[in-house]
């Protein structure tokens, strides 16, 4: 599976962005998809995940209620709608995939896309 993330940019605090992650490969619909982010000087951290069969979602506490992960298996794409953005959301956001249940550790994902920069100004 190859992943391509897009949609990042510069936005003011309180604004919104939608990230997309396009996947290649015929078995996209069988993968758990997730978003991670890495801020300068910090470790990469889990943001959200969505399962392949039941579309069950999970979120980091820091983004719960503000971010929404979704997927369109027909388009081989997963999305991250980010609302009420805060300066502390500034990071490089990456999408990842694995063929098992959602996980929060980076080491548990098999495939990674390149990152897209999200910058939130105060």
C-alpha atoms as a PDB file:
ATOM      1  CA  UNK A   1       0.000   0.000   0.000  1.00  0.00           C
ATOM      2  CA  UNK A   2       1.296   3.439  -0.938  1.00  0.00           C
ATOM      3  CA  UNK A   3      -0.109   6.479   0.838  1.00  0.00           C
ATOM      4  CA  UNK A   4      -0.169  10.117  -0.266  1.00  0.00           C
ATOM      5  CA  UNK A   5      -1.292  12.791   2.189  1.00  0.00           C
ATOM      6  CA  UNK A   6      -2.426  16.279   1.193  1.00  0.00           C
ATOM      7  CA  UNK A   7      -4.472  19.212   2.387  1.00  0.00           C
ATOM      8  CA  UNK A   8      -2.191  20.856   4.903  1.00  0.00           C
ATOM      9  CA  UNK A   9      -1.655  24.584   5.099  1.00  0.00           C
ATOM     10  CA  UNK A  10      -1.663  27.695   7.232  1.00  0.00           C
ATOM     11  CA  UNK A  11      -4.816  28.560   9.149  1.00  0.00           C
ATOM     12  CA  UNK A  12      -5.740  30.874  11.989  1.00  0.00           C
ATOM     13  CA  UNK A  13      -6.712  29.534  15.378  1.00  0.00           C
ATOM     14  CA  UNK A  14     -10.349  28.497  15.371  1.00  0.00           C
ATOM     15  CA  UNK A  15     -10.253  27.642  11.692  1.00  0.00           C
ATOM     16  CA  UNK A  16     -10.650  24.352   9.863  1.00  0.00           C
ATOM     17  CA  UNK A  17      -8.731  22.149   7.465  1.00  0.00           C
ATOM     18  CA  UNK A  18      -9.433  18.816   5.843  1.00  0.00           C
ATOM     19  CA  UNK A  19      -6.585  16.431   5.182  1.00  0.00           C
ATOM     20  CA  UNK A  20      -6.794  13.634   2.645  1.00  0.00           C
ATOM     21  CA  UNK A  21      -4.771  10.461   2.302  1.00  0.00           C
ATOM     22  CA  UNK A  22      -5.043   8.633  -0.988  1.00  0.00           C
ATOM     23  CA  UNK A  23      -4.013   4.985  -1.017  1.00  0.00           C
ATOM     24  CA  UNK A  24      -2.982   2.759  -3.853  1.00  0.00           C
ATOM     25  CA  UNK A  25      -3.531  -0.956  -3.782  1.00  0.00           C
ATOM     26  CA  UNK A  26      -6.556  -3.115  -4.318  1.00  0.00           C
ATOM     27  CA  UNK A  27      -6.933  -4.058  -0.654  1.00  0.00           C
ATOM     28  CA  UNK A  28      -7.289  -0.580   0.823  1.00  0.00           C
ATOM     29  CA  UNK A  29     -10.703  -1.479   2.179  1.00  0.00           C
ATOM     30  CA  UNK A  30      -9.198  -4.141   4.433  1.00  0.00           C
ATOM     31  CA  UNK A  31      -6.778  -1.832   6.252  1.00  0.00           C
ATOM     32  CA  UNK A  32      -7.170   0.137   9.428  1.00  0.00           C
ATOM     33  CA  UNK A  33      -6.217   3.707   8.570  1.00  0.00           C
ATOM     34  CA  UNK A  34      -4.814   6.258  10.990  1.00  0.00           C
ATOM     35  CA  UNK A  35      -3.438   9.760  11.267  1.00  0.00           C
ATOM     36  CA  UNK A  36      -0.399  10.666  13.331  1.00  0.00           C
ATOM     37  CA  UNK A  37       1.324  13.994  13.830  1.00  0.00           C
ATOM     38  CA  UNK A  38       4.745  15.221  14.834  1.00  0.00           C
ATOM     39  CA  UNK A  39       5.424  18.687  16.166  1.00  0.00           C
ATOM     40  CA  UNK A  40       8.921  20.198  16.165  1.00  0.00           C
ATOM     41  CA  UNK A  41      11.038  18.681  18.896  1.00  0.00           C
ATOM     42  CA  UNK A  42       8.384  16.138  19.850  1.00  0.00           C
ATOM     43  CA  UNK A  43       7.759  12.488  19.135  1.00  0.00           C
ATOM     44  CA  UNK A  44       5.198  11.376  16.585  1.00  0.00           C
ATOM     45  CA  UNK A  45       1.820  10.888  18.271  1.00  0.00           C
ATOM     46  CA  UNK A  46      -1.429   9.170  17.445  1.00  0.00           C
ATOM     47  CA  UNK A  47      -4.317  11.395  16.337  1.00  0.00           C
ATOM     48  CA  UNK A  48      -7.138   9.179  15.049  1.00  0.00           C
ATOM     49  CA  UNK A  49      -7.908   5.815  13.457  1.00  0.00           C
ATOM     50  CA  UNK A  50     -10.757   4.141  11.591  1.00  0.00           C
ATOM     51  CA  UNK A  51     -11.334   0.433  11.042  1.00  0.00           C
ATOM     52  CA  UNK A  52     -11.916  -1.104   7.678  1.00  0.00           C
ATOM     53  CA  UNK A  53     -15.091  -3.109   8.249  1.00  0.00           C
ATOM     54  CA  UNK A  54     -17.220  -1.317  10.807  1.00  0.00           C
ATOM     55  CA  UNK A  55     -15.755   2.170  10.333  1.00  0.00           C
ATOM     56  CA  UNK A  56     -15.223   2.333  14.082  1.00  0.00           C
ATOM     57  CA  UNK A  57     -13.245   5.422  15.026  1.00  0.00           C
ATOM     58  CA  UNK A  58     -10.870   6.268  17.848  1.00  0.00           C
ATOM     59  CA  UNK A  59      -9.240   9.566  18.781  1.00  0.00           C
ATOM     60  CA  UNK A  60      -6.541  11.005  20.950  1.00  0.00           C
ATOM     61  CA  UNK A  61      -8.007  12.918  23.881  1.00  0.00           C
ATOM     62  CA  UNK A  62      -6.379  16.118  22.655  1.00  0.00           C
ATOM     63  CA  UNK A  63      -8.437  16.151  19.449  1.00  0.00           C
ATOM     64  CA  UNK A  64     -11.651  14.426  20.508  1.00  0.00           C
ATOM     65  CA  UNK A  65     -14.673  16.545  19.655  1.00  0.00           C
ATOM     66  CA  UNK A  66     -12.710  18.699  17.204  1.00  0.00           C
ATOM     67  CA  UNK A  67     -11.345  16.239  14.632  1.00  0.00           C
ATOM     68  CA  UNK A  68     -13.268  13.669  12.616  1.00  0.00           C
ATOM     69  CA  UNK A  69     -11.721  10.782  10.699  1.00  0.00           C
ATOM     70  CA  UNK A  70     -13.630   9.197   7.841  1.00  0.00           C
ATOM     71  CA  UNK A  71     -12.943   7.000   4.844  1.00  0.00           C
ATOM     72  CA  UNK A  72     -14.302   6.357   1.385  1.00  0.00           C
ATOM     73  CA  UNK A  73     -13.297   2.870   0.336  1.00  0.00           C
ATOM     74  CA  UNK A  74     -14.594   3.431  -3.189  1.00  0.00           C
ATOM     75  CA  UNK A  75     -12.074   6.276  -3.557  1.00  0.00           C
ATOM     76  CA  UNK A  76      -9.320   4.603  -1.525  1.00  0.00           C
ATOM     77  CA  UNK A  77      -9.142   7.737   0.573  1.00  0.00           C
ATOM     78  CA  UNK A  78      -9.194   8.560   4.267  1.00  0.00           C
ATOM     79  CA  UNK A  79      -9.919  12.053   5.548  1.00  0.00           C
ATOM     80  CA  UNK A  80      -9.239  14.051   8.677  1.00  0.00           C
ATOM     81  CA  UNK A  81     -11.580  16.975   9.212  1.00  0.00           C
ATOM     82  CA  UNK A  82      -9.988  19.338  11.707  1.00  0.00           C
ATOM     83  CA  UNK A  83     -12.160  22.023  13.296  1.00  0.00           C
ATOM     84  CA  UNK A  84     -11.511  24.552  16.048  1.00  0.00           C
ATOM     85  CA  UNK A  85      -7.812  24.333  15.366  1.00  0.00           C
ATOM     86  CA  UNK A  86      -5.369  25.478  18.018  1.00  0.00           C
ATOM     87  CA  UNK A  87      -1.734  26.580  17.752  1.00  0.00           C
ATOM     88  CA  UNK A  88      -0.745  23.376  19.535  1.00  0.00           C
ATOM     89  CA  UNK A  89      -2.170  21.394  16.600  1.00  0.00           C
ATOM     90  CA  UNK A  90       0.721  22.671  14.494  1.00  0.00           C
ATOM     91  CA  UNK A  91       2.622  19.633  13.229  1.00  0.00           C
ATOM     92  CA  UNK A  92       3.412  17.465  10.256  1.00  0.00           C
ATOM     93  CA  UNK A  93       0.486  15.091   9.801  1.00  0.00           C
ATOM     94  CA  UNK A  94       1.032  11.613   8.337  1.00  0.00           C
ATOM     95  CA  UNK A  95      -1.341   8.820   7.427  1.00  0.00           C
ATOM     96  CA  UNK A  96      -0.615   5.183   8.172  1.00  0.00           C
ATOM     97  CA  UNK A  97      -2.128   1.763   7.543  1.00  0.00           C
ATOM     98  CA  UNK A  98      -2.158  -1.679   9.117  1.00  0.00           C
ATOM     99  CA  UNK A  99      -4.160  -4.862   8.507  1.00  0.00           C
ATOM    100  CA  UNK A 100      -5.253  -5.302  12.078  1.00  0.00           C
ATOM    101  CA  UNK A 101      -7.265  -3.506  14.744  1.00  0.00           C
ATOM    102  CA  UNK A 102      -6.436   0.150  15.443  1.00  0.00           C
ATOM    103  CA  UNK A 103      -3.305   0.856  17.455  1.00  0.00           C
ATOM    104  CA  UNK A 104      -1.758   4.015  18.869  1.00  0.00           C
ATOM    105  CA  UNK A 105       1.940   3.180  18.594  1.00  0.00           C
ATOM    106  CA  UNK A 106       3.796   4.114  15.436  1.00  0.00           C
ATOM    107  CA  UNK A 107       5.667   0.806  15.479  1.00  0.00           C
ATOM    108  CA  UNK A 108       2.415  -1.073  14.944  1.00  0.00           C
ATOM    109  CA  UNK A 109       1.711   0.431  11.538  1.00  0.00           C
ATOM    110  CA  UNK A 110       3.136  -1.139   8.407  1.00  0.00           C
ATOM    111  CA  UNK A 111       2.696   1.578   5.817  1.00  0.00           C
ATOM    112  CA  UNK A 112       3.274   5.316   5.985  1.00  0.00           C
ATOM    113  CA  UNK A 113       2.673   8.265   3.721  1.00  0.00           C
ATOM    114  CA  UNK A 114       4.761  11.393   3.551  1.00  0.00           C
ATOM    115  CA  UNK A 115       3.636  14.170   5.845  1.00  0.00           C
ATOM    116  CA  UNK A 116       1.660  17.311   5.176  1.00  0.00           C
ATOM    117  CA  UNK A 117       2.381  20.435   7.208  1.00  0.00           C
ATOM    118  CA  UNK A 118      -0.379  22.022   9.250  1.00  0.00           C
ATOM    119  CA  UNK A 119       0.406  25.388  10.822  1.00  0.00           C
ATOM    120  CA  UNK A 120      -2.074  27.123  13.112  1.00  0.00           C
ATOM    121  CA  UNK A 121      -1.369  30.760  13.901  1.00  0.00           C
ATOM    122  CA  UNK A 122      -2.580  32.433  17.061  1.00  0.00           C
END
